[in-house]
Structure formats: structure tokens, C-alpha cells
Protein backbone atom coordinates (compact mmCIF):
# COMPACT_ATOMS: atom_id res chain seq x y z
CA MET A 1 92.37 203.18 46.30
CA SER A 2 93.70 203.93 49.77
CA TRP A 3 95.18 207.40 50.11
CA ASN A 4 94.89 207.89 53.88
CA PRO A 5 94.88 204.69 55.95
CA THR A 6 95.21 206.58 59.25
CA ILE A 7 91.60 207.73 59.46
CA GLU A 8 89.87 205.82 62.26
CA PRO A 9 86.09 205.96 62.81
CA ILE A 10 84.40 206.79 66.10
CA CYS A 11 82.26 203.95 67.49
CA PRO A 12 79.76 204.95 70.19
CA LYS A 13 77.42 202.42 71.74
CA ALA A 14 74.12 201.87 69.99
CA GLY A 15 72.14 203.18 72.95
CA GLN A 16 68.49 202.15 73.11
CA VAL A 17 68.25 200.80 69.58
CA ASP A 18 68.16 197.08 70.40
CA ASP A 19 68.26 195.99 66.76
CA ILE A 20 71.71 197.54 66.23
CA ASP A 21 74.78 195.59 67.29
CA THR A 22 77.30 198.35 66.41
CA LEU A 23 76.88 202.00 65.43
CA ILE A 24 79.85 203.57 63.62
CA ILE A 25 80.32 207.29 63.02
CA PRO A 26 83.14 207.69 60.46
CA ARG A 27 85.74 210.35 61.02
CA ALA A 28 85.82 212.90 58.18
CA ARG A 29 88.96 214.42 56.71
CA ASP A 30 89.62 216.71 53.76
CA ILE A 31 92.02 214.99 51.35
CA GLY A 32 93.22 217.27 48.57
CA GLY A 33 89.98 219.21 48.22
CA PHE A 34 87.46 216.45 48.80
CA GLU A 35 86.10 214.67 51.84
CA VAL A 36 86.66 211.05 52.83
CA ARG A 37 84.64 209.31 55.53
CA ARG A 38 85.98 205.93 56.67
CA ALA A 39 83.58 203.50 58.37
CA LEU A 40 85.63 200.29 58.15
CA PRO A 41 87.83 199.08 59.68
CA SER A 42 86.99 200.55 63.08
CA PRO A 43 88.12 199.85 66.64
CA ALA A 44 84.72 198.34 67.44
CA ARG A 45 84.19 196.43 64.21
CA GLN A 46 86.81 195.31 61.71
CA MET A 47 84.45 193.77 59.17
CA VAL A 48 80.83 193.39 58.06
CA GLY A 49 80.71 189.96 56.45
CA PRO A 50 83.76 189.98 54.15
CA PHE A 51 83.77 193.82 53.84
CA ILE A 52 86.93 195.06 55.56
CA PHE A 53 87.28 198.64 54.29
CA PHE A 54 84.60 201.22 53.50
CA ASP A 55 85.21 204.82 52.37
CA GLN A 56 82.81 207.52 51.28
CA MET A 57 84.49 209.81 48.73
CA GLY A 58 83.04 213.31 48.56
CA PRO A 59 80.69 214.87 47.69
CA ALA A 60 83.17 217.37 46.24
CA GLU A 61 83.19 219.79 43.34
CA PHE A 62 86.30 220.60 41.30
CA ILE A 63 87.00 223.63 39.17
CA THR A 64 88.72 223.45 35.77
CA ASP A 65 91.93 221.36 35.84
CA GLY A 66 91.04 219.91 39.24
CA GLY A 67 90.56 216.24 39.94
CA ILE A 68 91.80 213.10 41.67
CA ASP A 69 95.19 211.51 41.07
CA VAL A 70 95.63 208.30 43.02
CA ARG A 71 99.04 207.17 41.78
CA PRO A 72 99.86 203.49 41.18
CA HIS A 73 99.84 201.50 44.43
CA PRO A 74 99.68 197.79 45.32
CA HIS A 75 97.11 195.44 46.89
CA ILE A 76 97.13 191.81 48.05
CA GLY A 77 94.51 189.50 49.57
CA LEU A 78 91.39 191.50 48.71
CA GLY A 79 89.00 192.73 46.04
CA THR A 80 88.29 196.44 45.53
CA VAL A 81 84.84 197.72 44.61
CA THR A 82 84.42 201.21 43.16
CA TYR A 83 80.86 202.55 42.86
CA LEU A 84 80.06 206.14 41.99
CA TYR A 85 76.99 208.35 42.50
CA GLN A 86 78.54 211.29 40.62
CA GLY A 87 81.66 211.82 38.55
CA GLU A 88 84.06 209.35 36.96
CA PHE A 89 87.40 207.62 37.41
CA GLU A 90 89.93 206.41 34.88
CA HIS A 91 91.21 203.04 36.11
CA ARG A 92 94.47 201.43 35.01
CA ASP A 93 96.01 198.30 36.50
CA SER A 94 98.99 195.98 36.08
CA LEU A 95 96.79 193.44 34.25
CA GLY A 96 96.68 195.94 31.38
CA THR A 97 93.14 197.13 32.15
CA HIS A 98 92.21 200.67 31.07
CA GLN A 99 88.61 201.29 32.09
CA MET A 100 86.45 204.35 32.73
CA ILE A 101 83.83 204.04 35.44
CA TYR A 102 80.67 206.15 35.61
CA PRO A 103 77.75 206.35 38.09
CA GLY A 104 75.81 203.13 38.55
CA GLU A 105 78.58 200.93 37.12
CA VAL A 106 80.90 198.66 39.07
CA ASN A 107 84.65 198.11 38.89
CA TRP A 108 85.65 194.88 40.67
CA MET A 109 89.39 194.25 40.90
CA VAL A 110 90.62 191.10 42.63
CA ALA A 111 94.16 191.61 43.92
CA GLY A 112 94.84 188.02 44.97
CA ARG A 113 98.59 187.47 45.16
CA GLY A 114 99.26 191.02 43.98
CA VAL A 115 98.11 193.78 41.66
CA THR A 116 98.90 197.46 41.14
CA HIS A 117 96.42 200.11 40.00
CA SER A 118 95.79 203.83 39.70
CA GLU A 119 92.62 205.90 39.62
CA ARG A 120 92.58 209.40 38.16
CA THR A 121 90.18 212.00 36.83
CA SER A 122 90.35 211.93 33.03
CA ASP A 123 91.69 214.85 31.00
CA ALA A 124 88.29 215.33 29.39
CA THR A 125 86.55 215.74 32.74
CA ARG A 126 89.25 218.09 34.08
CA ALA A 127 88.45 220.50 31.24
CA GLY A 128 85.37 221.79 33.10
CA ARG A 129 83.75 221.94 36.52
CA HIS A 130 82.80 218.51 37.81
CA LYS A 131 81.70 216.61 40.90
CA LEU A 132 82.79 213.41 42.61
CA PHE A 133 80.71 211.35 45.04
CA GLY A 134 80.93 207.63 45.61
CA ILE A 135 81.92 204.66 47.72
CA GLN A 136 84.95 202.44 47.62
CA THR A 137 85.17 199.29 49.66
CA TRP A 138 87.46 196.28 49.99
CA ILE A 139 86.34 192.68 50.39
CA ALA A 140 88.74 190.29 52.11
CA LEU A 141 89.29 187.07 50.16
CA PRO A 142 88.80 183.66 51.80
CA GLU A 143 92.06 182.18 53.03
CA ASP A 144 92.19 179.58 50.23
CA ARG A 145 91.73 182.37 47.62
CA GLU A 146 94.15 184.97 48.99
CA GLU A 147 96.88 183.91 46.53
CA MET A 148 94.63 183.53 43.49
CA ALA A 149 95.60 185.19 40.20
CA PRO A 150 94.54 188.84 40.05
CA ASP A 151 91.49 189.67 37.94
CA PHE A 152 89.30 192.59 36.87
CA GLU A 153 85.64 192.93 35.89
CA HIS A 154 83.58 195.91 34.82
CA HIS A 155 79.79 195.84 34.57
CA LYS A 156 77.50 198.54 33.22
CA GLU A 157 74.53 199.85 35.17
CA ALA A 158 72.04 197.97 32.99
CA ALA A 159 73.66 194.62 33.88
CA LEU A 160 72.97 194.98 37.60
CA PRO A 161 69.61 193.62 38.86
CA GLN A 162 67.18 196.27 40.10
CA PHE A 163 64.30 195.98 42.55
CA GLN A 164 61.46 198.47 42.99
CA ASP A 165 58.74 198.40 45.62
CA GLY A 166 56.68 201.49 46.36
CA GLY A 167 59.10 204.30 47.14
CA ALA A 168 62.18 202.07 47.29
CA ILE A 169 64.57 201.34 44.41
CA ALA A 170 67.54 199.03 44.99
CA ARG A 171 70.36 198.01 42.65
CA LEU A 172 72.27 194.80 43.44
CA ILE A 173 75.96 195.56 42.96
CA LEU A 174 77.48 192.34 44.33
CA GLY A 175 76.32 188.93 45.48
CA ASP A 176 72.73 187.81 45.93
CA ALA A 177 69.60 189.21 47.55
CA TYR A 178 65.84 188.73 47.21
CA GLY A 179 66.28 185.80 44.85
CA LYS A 180 68.48 187.62 42.32
CA SER A 181 72.23 187.59 41.69
CA SER A 182 74.71 190.19 40.46
CA PRO A 183 76.82 189.22 37.41
CA VAL A 184 80.02 190.09 39.31
CA THR A 185 82.13 187.02 40.12
CA MET A 186 82.45 186.65 43.89
CA GLN A 187 84.75 184.45 45.99
CA SER A 188 82.52 184.30 49.08
CA GLU A 189 78.91 184.81 50.15
CA THR A 190 78.19 188.53 49.81
CA PHE A 191 75.52 191.14 49.19
CA TYR A 192 75.93 194.82 48.35
CA LEU A 193 73.03 197.10 47.40
CA ASP A 194 72.61 200.74 46.37
CA VAL A 195 69.21 201.81 47.76
CA ILE A 196 67.27 205.02 47.07
CA LEU A 197 64.27 205.71 49.31
CA GLN A 198 61.54 208.30 48.85
CA PRO A 199 60.43 210.12 52.04
CA GLY A 200 58.81 207.63 54.42
CA ALA A 201 59.57 204.61 52.22
CA ALA A 202 60.51 201.35 53.96
CA PHE A 203 63.32 198.97 53.05
CA PRO A 204 63.75 195.44 54.49
CA LEU A 205 67.26 194.03 54.70
CA PRO A 206 67.71 190.59 53.10
CA ASP A 207 67.42 187.93 55.80
CA ASN A 208 69.45 185.18 54.10
CA HIS A 209 72.86 186.53 55.15
CA GLU A 210 74.70 186.12 58.44
CA ASP A 211 76.18 189.63 58.75
CA ARG A 212 74.30 192.76 57.63
CA GLY A 213 74.93 196.48 57.79
CA ILE A 214 73.72 199.79 56.37
CA TYR A 215 75.64 202.95 55.55
CA VAL A 216 73.59 206.13 55.10
CA SER A 217 75.07 208.16 52.23
CA GLU A 218 72.39 210.85 51.97
CA GLY A 219 69.29 211.89 53.93
CA SER A 220 68.29 209.96 57.03
CA ILE A 221 66.63 206.72 58.12
CA GLU A 222 64.65 205.54 61.12
CA VAL A 223 65.44 202.29 62.94
CA SER A 224 63.17 201.28 65.83
CA GLY A 225 62.00 204.87 66.17
CA ASP A 226 65.49 206.42 66.28
CA THR A 227 66.81 208.64 63.48
CA PHE A 228 70.24 208.22 61.89
CA GLU A 229 71.60 210.92 59.60
CA ALA A 230 73.98 210.59 56.64
CA GLY A 231 77.46 209.42 57.56
CA ARG A 232 76.38 206.61 59.89
CA MET A 233 76.96 202.86 59.59
CA MET A 234 74.78 200.43 61.51
CA VAL A 235 75.59 196.73 61.90
CA PHE A 236 72.66 194.54 62.93
CA ARG A 237 72.39 191.40 65.01
CA PRO A 238 72.39 188.15 63.00
CA GLY A 239 68.99 186.58 62.44
CA ASP A 240 66.82 189.59 63.26
CA ARG A 241 64.28 190.80 60.70
CA ILE A 242 65.27 194.39 59.97
CA SER A 243 63.36 197.09 58.12
CA VAL A 244 64.36 200.76 57.96
CA LYS A 245 62.31 203.80 56.94
CA ALA A 246 63.48 206.93 55.15
CA GLY A 247 63.25 210.29 56.86
CA PRO A 248 61.31 213.33 55.57
CA GLN A 249 63.96 214.15 52.93
CA GLY A 250 64.31 210.56 51.73
CA ALA A 251 67.57 208.62 51.86
CA ARG A 252 70.27 206.90 49.88
CA LEU A 253 72.07 204.05 51.54
CA MET A 254 74.39 201.13 50.89
CA ALA A 255 73.35 197.79 52.36
CA LEU A 256 76.19 195.30 52.76
CA GLY A 257 77.21 192.04 54.35
CA GLY A 258 77.49 188.32 53.85
CA ALA A 259 79.15 185.38 55.55
CA THR A 260 81.82 186.11 58.13
CA LEU A 261 85.30 184.72 57.46
CA ASN A 262 86.67 181.98 59.69
CA GLU A 263 90.18 183.39 59.98
CA GLN A 264 91.62 186.60 61.47
CA ARG A 265 92.54 189.32 58.97
CA TYR A 266 95.42 191.78 59.28
CA ILE A 267 95.64 195.13 57.50
CA TRP A 268 98.69 197.19 56.69
CA TRP A 269 98.44 200.09 54.22
CA ASN A 270 96.83 198.55 51.09
CA PHE A 271 97.49 194.94 52.07
CA VAL A 272 95.05 192.47 53.66
CA SER A 273 96.03 188.95 54.68
CA SER A 274 95.42 186.18 57.21
CA SER A 275 99.23 186.13 57.66
CA LYS A 276 101.38 188.93 59.08
CA ASP A 277 104.41 187.38 57.37
CA ARG A 278 102.69 187.62 53.99
CA ILE A 279 102.07 191.32 54.54
CA GLU A 280 105.72 191.85 55.50
CA GLN A 281 106.78 190.12 52.29
CA ALA A 282 104.47 192.30 50.19
CA LYS A 283 105.90 195.37 51.92
CA GLU A 284 109.46 194.38 51.01
CA ASP A 285 108.44 193.53 47.45
CA TRP A 286 106.93 197.00 46.95
CA LYS A 287 109.90 198.77 48.53
CA ALA A 288 112.25 196.88 46.17
CA ALA A 289 110.46 198.46 43.17
CA ASP A 290 111.66 195.71 40.85
CA TRP A 291 109.03 196.15 38.19
CA SER A 292 110.74 193.77 35.72
CA ASN A 293 111.42 190.74 37.93
CA GLY A 294 109.47 191.30 41.15
CA PRO A 295 105.86 190.29 41.85
CA PHE A 296 104.48 193.79 41.25
CA ARG A 297 104.22 195.63 37.93
CA LEU A 298 103.18 199.20 37.22
CA PRO A 299 100.03 199.78 35.14
CA PRO A 300 100.74 200.13 31.40
CA GLY A 301 100.13 203.76 30.47
CA ASP A 302 100.75 204.97 34.04
CA GLU A 303 104.34 203.99 34.76
CA GLU A 304 105.99 207.35 35.48
CA GLU A 305 105.24 207.47 39.21
CA PHE A 306 103.97 205.41 42.11
CA ILE A 307 103.10 205.80 45.81
CA PRO A 308 106.15 204.83 47.92
CA ILE A 309 106.01 203.53 51.48
CA SER A 310 106.72 206.49 53.73
CA PRO A 311 109.25 206.15 56.59
CA GLU A 312 106.48 206.83 59.13
CA LEU A 313 104.26 204.11 57.68
CA ASP A 314 107.20 201.70 57.45
CA ARG A 315 107.58 201.83 61.22
CA THR A 316 104.04 200.55 61.79
CA ARG A 317 102.94 196.93 61.91
CA PRO A 318 99.93 195.02 60.51
CA ARG A 319 96.83 195.49 62.65
CA ASP A 320 93.91 193.20 63.38
CA TRP A 321 91.76 196.01 64.81
């Protein structure tokens, strides 16, 4: 999903909090009745480990017949991760996948050399009032895996390892942490955790990964005596032992990171690549709309429309932030 790639976060200095390398305050916009907050990429920080895109969707509430319709659109060079706190999405892709996703589950779609997908609110959910709240992020593929065959995995909540210590509960969505591994197939060293903290509860970041960050989805946390409210991303210095504490209302956060990639990454619309030329080729392939003979196909069951490249977007060039 990428319905508004123009949102750029604000990145103030971290101030007196010595443990924090970068503090990112996402810029919020209302997109069709729900709020999106984009933390990555940002002018100060393109990536956290292999994570190159990070959006908070909602929280939003829809009345009867309302919902999300992200029409078919393409990706290359990345994997998309959809994780919901509330609501649902109906996912279809050009591999023939038709998969519902509900809170606590994970949809992992590897674009590789090219895939097309859509995400919509189902007809059943539109029949009544409903809410949507979740996170979608992209993970850049290693250079030698950018042109791999596209793939899709879905894992139920019960399949994801869970940790509990005092007032902290953490679910491992991707990668490895604290001696456990997620069942999701990864192409590079990664960790991604959904963490719920009771008021005053502490949470230590895993110390076996090079790059580590936290995004506060709800509540607040304290780091080195300073308080950070919901809608903040903190990226920490490599090697430091980091522990955060929930504020008086508790907190929900996403912890993320992994090994940094050795090569520069460029982003244009929904495309990520270590090569600007490869992005230009993907752009031309999508504009050609040759669904029978070209490299992109439309998702079976959702072939009546797609998101075109707008003239304004077409005039832009891939960015390395």
C-alpha cells in the first residue's frame, strides 16, 4: 500500500537524550477519512536496518458503507508488511492470493522483480460501523535478492512467538529476538516486534542487531528521563543497551531494525531499488499497462481498475533521501 508518497516527516534533533541518534516526528495527513502518519523515509533517516517505509494507518472509524479501497498498484525491490491493531483488509495480488488479514496476523508480500496488489475493506465489514488502526512498512531487499520471484506469506496470530515479562507483552512479527524466531521467511537480518506495556513497565530492546528503532503507536514512553508521546520514532545508537519505560497510561509500540544494507536505495512511488535505471524501467512497464505480455499483472478478482501514474508524479525522479 502506498496511497500518498508525498508525506515527509519532520526530524528535529534529539536534544539532550544521548541514547537517541535520530528523533522523527511523522507528518500527519487525512487521507479519505482516516489519518496516515509517515515516519520513514525521512530527510534525516532513510532506513532503520532494512526498513525503508513506515506508515501508521488510523485510528479511524467508518460508518456503514465506508472503508478503504487501495486499488491495484505495483511494487519492485521490497517486501510489504501489513499488521493491524483494529479492523481488517482484504488482500489480492497478481500471484493469485486472496487473503483476509485481521489484528495480530501478518501479511508478508515479497515484490522482488515485480508484483501488483490491492487492499480493500471487505463487503461484510462495510455493512456496519467499523474501525481501522495499524501499521504498514516496507523492507528493502538485499541487492542480490531484488529480482527474486515474488512471493506471499500469511501467518496467524498464534504462530507468532510471544514474550511476557512483568507488565510487558511482546509479539515477534518478523526476524529474531531474545532467542526466538518468527516463522516469516526473511531475506536479511531483521527484527520487528509489537509491544504492549502496562503503566511503568520496562522494555529492553534486543541487543543483537546493528540498527534499532522504536515507534510509539499509543500512550507514551520514557527514555533517559525524557517523555515521548504517541507518533514519535526514535532510532538508537548501535551497540548501546537500551531500555524504555511506559508512561502513566501505558504504551503500545513497534520495535524494529536489523542489519543495514551495504548499497544505496532509491525510492520512487511504490518502487525501491539500488538502481535508478531499474526504477525507470518499472515506471515504463506500469505506464504501458500491458497486462497480458508485460511484467506486471492485475490481481485476479480485482482487474477492473488500477492506480495510474499521475502526470505530476511522472515528472519526479527517484530519491535517495
